[in-house]
């Protein structure tokens, strides 16, 4: 029987609230504190879980007695929380995207490796049971074409449309689809993204079309937009010899006909795996920080290509 794992959470937005809800359902986990630069928001979430609220991550760390910390902050706020947490030798779970730039994420990855600490990133799509089914159906047939989509609305948070705060739609949202593409198709060697004209200075592109070349020879496309009134199409379609599969967060469609619903446990499993790792168990952590950095590098390459209006090569 493992002792109770005391978890701190940095951030008190919707994603933090989701993790707090899942973690509070584990009998071997206690939410030990929630920190947010908005004290009212921190207090509101903390009160739901019987834990203290803090005005920032430094106060949470100073209170001590933490076995792990979740970092659930907007893209622009990554960096200092992670480094301060790691300086205390505390295992870390980081919600995507990892940062606005590659250098910040690389330094965090290096520090995690140097300290040998358990880590995980919130790529919960890796825990979809339909992903296992898709792999079974593909068998040894290589994917030759991948079509990714994130066609949605502007999220209701004030910082999202500011590209200097969110990093843009590819980095902030479509990174889930890119992560799935890496799993089913492989690494990407070149991207060329073309944004729609008309974005105001400093605002995210409202639509982008991109071509991707995979190292194994497959071709790929990614289409994103935030012009819509709601979520229209989000997912990845892959084509191999004699089969096409389309995956979303909730279902798998085979050859446009057979429909397989996901079991809906991915958001629970990603947290359970990290807690198991913190407890020293044989844990199924599918996206440790170093692995998630590869997907982040791809998303940043697409954002750079759109910004510079030219293809970008990606080093292995």
Protein backbone atom coordinates (compact mmCIF):
# COMPACT_ATOMS: atom_id res chain seq x y z
CA UNK A 1 0.00 0.00 0.00
CA UNK A 2 1.53 3.29 -1.13
CA UNK A 3 1.21 6.39 1.06
CA UNK A 4 -0.89 9.29 -0.12
CA UNK A 5 0.73 11.27 -2.93
CA UNK A 6 0.48 15.01 -2.29
CA UNK A 7 -0.01 16.95 -5.51
CA UNK A 8 0.21 20.69 -6.07
CA UNK A 9 -1.37 22.38 -9.09
CA UNK A 10 -0.07 25.58 -10.69
CA UNK A 11 -2.92 27.24 -12.56
CA UNK A 12 -6.63 27.21 -11.81
CA UNK A 13 -8.25 27.35 -15.24
CA UNK A 14 -10.41 24.77 -16.97
CA UNK A 15 -7.60 22.29 -17.66
CA UNK A 16 -6.34 22.53 -14.08
CA UNK A 17 -9.89 21.94 -12.85
CA UNK A 18 -10.15 18.82 -15.02
CA UNK A 19 -6.96 17.38 -13.59
CA UNK A 20 -7.99 18.27 -10.06
CA UNK A 21 -11.29 16.44 -10.56
CA UNK A 22 -9.56 13.31 -11.84
CA UNK A 23 -6.82 13.35 -9.19
CA UNK A 24 -9.28 13.88 -6.34
CA UNK A 25 -10.98 10.67 -7.43
CA UNK A 26 -7.84 8.61 -6.78
CA UNK A 27 -7.85 7.20 -3.23
CA UNK A 28 -4.06 7.54 -2.98
CA UNK A 29 -3.86 11.23 -4.02
CA UNK A 30 -4.46 14.45 -2.11
CA UNK A 31 -4.63 17.89 -3.72
CA UNK A 32 -2.17 19.66 -1.42
CA UNK A 33 -2.53 23.15 -2.85
CA UNK A 34 -3.57 25.19 -5.89
CA UNK A 35 -1.74 28.31 -7.05
CA UNK A 36 -2.84 30.97 -9.50
CA UNK A 37 -1.95 34.60 -10.10
CA UNK A 38 -5.70 35.27 -9.82
CA UNK A 39 -6.31 34.67 -6.07
CA UNK A 40 -10.09 34.42 -6.47
CA UNK A 41 -9.77 31.73 -9.12
CA UNK A 42 -7.25 29.80 -7.04
CA UNK A 43 -9.53 29.98 -4.00
CA UNK A 44 -12.57 28.88 -5.99
CA UNK A 45 -10.90 25.72 -7.28
CA UNK A 46 -9.05 24.96 -4.04
CA UNK A 47 -12.26 25.17 -2.02
CA UNK A 48 -13.80 22.45 -4.19
CA UNK A 49 -11.05 20.05 -3.16
CA UNK A 50 -10.47 21.08 0.45
CA UNK A 51 -6.99 22.39 -0.23
CA UNK A 52 -5.23 25.71 0.43
CA UNK A 53 -4.96 28.36 -2.27
CA UNK A 54 -1.83 30.32 -3.11
CA UNK A 55 -1.19 33.47 -5.12
CA UNK A 56 1.69 31.98 -7.08
CA UNK A 57 3.77 28.86 -7.58
CA UNK A 58 6.56 30.15 -5.30
CA UNK A 59 4.17 30.25 -2.33
CA UNK A 60 2.94 26.75 -3.16
CA UNK A 61 6.50 25.42 -3.22
CA UNK A 62 7.45 27.26 -0.05
CA UNK A 63 4.60 25.52 1.80
CA UNK A 64 6.43 22.28 1.03
CA UNK A 65 5.42 18.63 1.46
CA UNK A 66 4.72 18.09 -2.25
CA UNK A 67 5.33 14.80 -4.04
CA UNK A 68 4.45 16.11 -7.51
CA UNK A 69 3.28 19.30 -9.22
CA UNK A 70 1.03 19.84 -12.22
CA UNK A 71 1.77 22.93 -14.35
CA UNK A 72 -1.45 24.00 -16.08
CA UNK A 73 -0.70 27.54 -17.23
CA UNK A 74 -1.13 29.41 -20.55
CA UNK A 75 1.70 29.07 -23.09
CA UNK A 76 3.29 32.41 -22.21
CA UNK A 77 3.58 31.48 -18.51
CA UNK A 78 5.75 28.39 -18.95
CA UNK A 79 9.39 28.43 -17.91
CA UNK A 80 9.81 29.86 -14.41
CA UNK A 81 7.27 27.52 -12.74
CA UNK A 82 8.93 24.43 -14.21
CA UNK A 83 12.46 25.51 -13.29
CA UNK A 84 11.45 26.38 -9.72
CA UNK A 85 9.63 23.09 -9.28
CA UNK A 86 12.54 21.09 -10.63
CA UNK A 87 14.98 22.97 -8.41
CA UNK A 88 13.06 21.40 -5.51
CA UNK A 89 13.55 17.92 -7.04
CA UNK A 90 9.81 17.44 -7.49
CA UNK A 91 8.35 15.31 -10.33
CA UNK A 92 6.41 17.37 -12.84
CA UNK A 93 3.37 17.06 -15.10
CA UNK A 94 3.15 19.80 -17.73
CA UNK A 95 0.11 20.62 -19.82
CA UNK A 96 0.67 21.33 -23.51
CA UNK A 97 1.88 23.41 -25.18
CA UNK A 98 5.24 23.29 -23.44
CA UNK A 99 6.23 26.91 -24.12
CA UNK A 100 6.20 29.66 -26.72
CA UNK A 101 9.72 28.88 -27.87
CA UNK A 102 11.97 25.88 -28.29
CA UNK A 103 14.82 27.07 -26.06
CA UNK A 104 12.63 27.25 -22.94
CA UNK A 105 11.30 23.71 -23.44
CA UNK A 106 14.76 22.32 -24.22
CA UNK A 107 16.19 23.75 -21.00
CA UNK A 108 13.34 22.20 -19.00
CA UNK A 109 13.87 18.83 -20.70
CA UNK A 110 17.59 18.97 -19.94
CA UNK A 111 16.92 19.74 -16.28
CA UNK A 112 14.43 16.88 -15.96
CA UNK A 113 17.00 14.52 -17.47
CA UNK A 114 19.79 15.84 -15.27
CA UNK A 115 17.78 15.27 -12.12
CA UNK A 116 16.31 11.96 -13.25
CA UNK A 117 12.79 12.96 -12.23
CA UNK A 118 9.51 11.44 -13.43
CA UNK A 119 7.72 13.69 -15.92
CA UNK A 120 4.66 13.64 -18.15
CA UNK A 121 2.90 15.93 -20.60
CA UNK A 122 -0.84 16.09 -21.14
CA UNK A 123 -1.01 14.39 -24.54
CA UNK A 124 -3.97 12.31 -23.39
CA UNK A 125 -4.90 11.28 -26.95
CA UNK A 126 -2.11 8.74 -26.60
CA UNK A 127 -4.37 6.88 -24.15
CA UNK A 128 -7.36 6.55 -26.50
CA UNK A 129 -8.25 2.89 -26.83
CA UNK A 130 -9.25 3.53 -30.45
CA UNK A 131 -5.58 4.34 -31.09
CA UNK A 132 -4.69 0.76 -30.23
CA UNK A 133 -7.46 -0.42 -32.55
CA UNK A 134 -6.14 1.80 -35.35
CA UNK A 135 -2.68 0.30 -34.98
CA UNK A 136 -4.12 -3.20 -35.12
CA UNK A 137 -6.02 -2.40 -38.31
CA UNK A 138 -2.97 -0.88 -39.97
CA UNK A 139 -0.81 -3.85 -39.07
CA UNK A 140 2.48 -3.64 -40.94
CA UNK A 141 1.07 -1.40 -43.69
CA UNK A 142 2.84 1.98 -43.63
CA UNK A 143 0.71 5.11 -43.72
CA UNK A 144 1.26 6.94 -47.01
CA UNK A 145 -1.05 9.96 -46.53
CA UNK A 146 -2.09 11.83 -43.38
CA UNK A 147 -4.75 14.56 -43.24
CA UNK A 148 -5.02 16.53 -40.00
CA UNK A 149 -7.72 19.04 -39.07
CA UNK A 150 -8.48 21.48 -36.27
CA UNK A 151 -11.48 23.51 -37.41
CA UNK A 152 -13.00 25.30 -34.46
CA UNK A 153 -13.89 28.61 -32.81
CA UNK A 154 -11.77 31.05 -30.81
CA UNK A 155 -11.53 29.72 -27.23
CA UNK A 156 -13.12 32.02 -24.60
CA UNK A 157 -9.88 33.20 -22.96
CA UNK A 158 -8.54 36.70 -23.40
CA UNK A 159 -4.96 35.79 -24.27
CA UNK A 160 -5.68 33.26 -27.01
CA UNK A 161 -5.88 35.58 -30.03
CA UNK A 162 -2.58 37.24 -29.09
CA UNK A 163 0.09 35.23 -30.92
CA UNK A 164 2.75 36.42 -28.48
CA UNK A 165 0.79 34.81 -25.65
CA UNK A 166 -0.72 31.65 -27.21
CA UNK A 167 1.74 30.81 -29.96
CA UNK A 168 -1.12 30.40 -32.42
CA UNK A 169 -3.63 27.67 -33.14
CA UNK A 170 -1.13 25.07 -34.36
CA UNK A 171 0.92 25.32 -31.18
CA UNK A 172 -1.97 25.73 -28.74
CA UNK A 173 -4.55 23.32 -30.19
CA UNK A 174 -3.50 21.30 -33.24
CA UNK A 175 -0.47 19.98 -31.36
CA UNK A 176 -2.77 17.09 -30.30
CA UNK A 177 -3.29 16.12 -33.95
CA UNK A 178 0.42 16.47 -34.68
CA UNK A 179 1.24 14.19 -31.77
CA UNK A 180 -1.15 11.58 -33.14
CA UNK A 181 0.44 11.89 -36.58
CA UNK A 182 3.87 11.21 -35.11
CA UNK A 183 2.54 8.07 -33.44
CA UNK A 184 0.80 6.62 -36.51
CA UNK A 185 2.99 7.92 -39.34
CA UNK A 186 6.40 8.87 -37.91
CA UNK A 187 8.66 11.87 -37.67
CA UNK A 188 8.30 14.87 -39.98
CA UNK A 189 11.30 16.18 -41.91
CA UNK A 190 9.81 19.25 -43.68
CA UNK A 191 6.82 21.55 -43.30
CA UNK A 192 5.46 24.40 -45.38
CA UNK A 193 2.56 26.33 -43.86
CA UNK A 194 0.56 28.99 -45.69
CA UNK A 195 -1.57 31.34 -43.55
CA UNK A 196 -4.63 33.19 -44.75
CA UNK A 197 -4.15 36.91 -45.36
CA UNK A 198 -5.81 39.53 -43.21
CA UNK A 199 -4.62 38.83 -39.65
CA UNK A 200 -4.21 42.00 -37.60
CA UNK A 201 -0.75 42.76 -36.22
CA UNK A 202 -0.02 40.48 -33.29
CA UNK A 203 -3.09 38.29 -33.77
CA UNK A 204 -3.07 34.58 -34.57
CA UNK A 205 -3.72 33.44 -38.13
CA UNK A 206 -7.43 32.65 -38.51
CA UNK A 207 -6.71 29.83 -40.97
CA UNK A 208 -3.63 27.91 -42.09
CA UNK A 209 -2.96 25.16 -44.62
CA UNK A 210 0.24 23.17 -44.37
CA UNK A 211 2.09 20.44 -46.23
CA UNK A 212 4.23 17.98 -44.28
CA UNK A 213 6.82 15.50 -45.51
CA UNK A 214 7.39 12.54 -43.20
CA UNK A 215 10.84 11.00 -42.87
CA UNK A 216 9.48 7.61 -43.94
CA UNK A 217 8.19 9.03 -47.24
CA UNK A 218 4.54 9.72 -46.39
CA UNK A 219 2.85 12.97 -47.35
CA UNK A 220 0.74 15.00 -44.96
CA UNK A 221 -1.62 17.95 -44.81
CA UNK A 222 -2.81 20.03 -41.87
CA UNK A 223 -5.72 22.47 -41.99
CA UNK A 224 -6.56 24.75 -39.08
CA UNK A 225 -9.06 27.53 -38.56
CA UNK A 226 -10.65 29.39 -35.65
CA UNK A 227 -13.24 31.19 -37.80
CA UNK A 228 -16.18 28.96 -36.91
CA UNK A 229 -18.97 29.16 -34.32
CA UNK A 230 -18.04 25.85 -32.75
CA UNK A 231 -15.95 22.72 -33.13
CA UNK A 232 -16.57 21.36 -36.62
CA UNK A 233 -13.80 18.88 -37.37
CA UNK A 234 -10.87 17.89 -35.19
CA UNK A 235 -8.79 14.80 -35.79
CA UNK A 236 -6.50 12.85 -38.09
CA UNK A 237 -7.25 10.75 -41.17
CA UNK A 238 -4.60 8.29 -42.39
CA UNK A 239 -4.48 6.25 -45.57
CA UNK A 240 -2.52 3.05 -46.11
CA UNK A 241 -2.77 0.31 -48.72
CA UNK A 242 -6.42 -0.73 -48.85
CA UNK A 243 -7.60 1.18 -45.75
CA UNK A 244 -8.45 4.63 -44.44
CA UNK A 245 -8.86 5.45 -40.75
CA UNK A 246 -10.15 8.67 -39.23
CA UNK A 247 -9.56 9.32 -35.52
CA UNK A 248 -11.00 12.02 -33.31
CA UNK A 249 -10.86 12.30 -29.54
CA UNK A 250 -14.01 10.20 -29.26
CA UNK A 251 -14.26 7.81 -32.20
CA UNK A 252 -12.57 5.87 -34.99
CA UNK A 253 -14.09 5.56 -38.47
CA UNK A 254 -12.85 2.76 -40.71
CA UNK A 255 -13.16 3.17 -44.48
CA UNK A 256 -15.80 5.84 -43.93
CA UNK A 257 -18.30 3.29 -42.60
CA UNK A 258 -17.43 1.23 -39.53
CA UNK A 259 -17.62 3.36 -36.38
CA UNK A 260 -15.80 2.52 -33.14
CA UNK A 261 -16.44 4.70 -30.08
CA UNK A 262 -13.61 5.37 -27.64
CA UNK A 263 -14.06 4.21 -24.06
CA UNK A 264 -13.60 7.74 -22.72
CA UNK A 265 -10.93 7.02 -20.10
CA UNK A 266 -7.94 8.75 -21.69
CA UNK A 267 -8.03 11.81 -19.42
CA UNK A 268 -8.06 9.55 -16.37
CA UNK A 269 -5.35 7.20 -17.64
CA UNK A 270 -2.85 9.98 -18.37
CA UNK A 271 -3.07 11.15 -14.76
CA UNK A 272 -3.00 7.64 -13.31
CA UNK A 273 0.16 6.80 -15.24
CA UNK A 274 1.98 9.86 -13.93
CA UNK A 275 0.96 9.21 -10.32
CA UNK A 276 2.13 5.61 -10.69
CA UNK A 277 5.50 6.90 -11.90
CA UNK A 278 5.77 9.28 -8.94
CA UNK A 279 5.05 6.35 -6.63
CA UNK A 280 7.81 4.30 -8.23
CA UNK A 281 5.48 1.79 -9.83
CA UNK A 282 5.81 0.28 -13.30
CA UNK A 283 4.03 3.20 -14.99
CA UNK A 284 2.60 3.57 -18.49
CA UNK A 285 3.78 7.15 -19.11
CA UNK A 286 3.43 7.53 -22.87
CA UNK A 287 4.52 11.17 -23.22
CA UNK A 288 7.37 12.03 -20.86
CA UNK A 289 8.63 15.58 -21.32
CA UNK A 290 11.51 14.65 -23.64
CA UNK A 291 9.17 12.75 -25.98
CA UNK A 292 6.58 15.56 -25.96
CA UNK A 293 9.35 17.98 -26.91
CA UNK A 294 9.51 16.31 -30.34
CA UNK A 295 5.87 17.14 -31.00
CA UNK A 296 6.37 20.67 -29.69
CA UNK A 297 9.32 21.11 -32.07
CA UNK A 298 7.06 20.11 -34.98
CA UNK A 299 4.32 22.54 -33.96
CA UNK A 300 6.82 25.38 -33.62
CA UNK A 301 8.27 24.57 -37.05
CA UNK A 302 4.80 24.91 -38.60
CA UNK A 303 4.26 28.21 -36.80
CA UNK A 304 7.63 29.47 -38.01
CA UNK A 305 6.90 28.41 -41.58
CA UNK A 306 3.61 30.32 -41.55
CA UNK A 307 5.30 33.36 -40.08
CA UNK A 308 8.27 33.37 -42.48
CA UNK A 309 6.27 32.25 -45.53
CA UNK A 310 8.74 29.53 -46.48
CA UNK A 311 9.40 25.82 -45.90
CA UNK A 312 11.17 24.73 -42.71
CA UNK A 313 13.36 21.65 -42.38
CA UNK A 314 13.20 19.75 -39.10
CA UNK A 315 16.30 18.08 -37.69
CA UNK A 316 15.93 14.56 -36.32
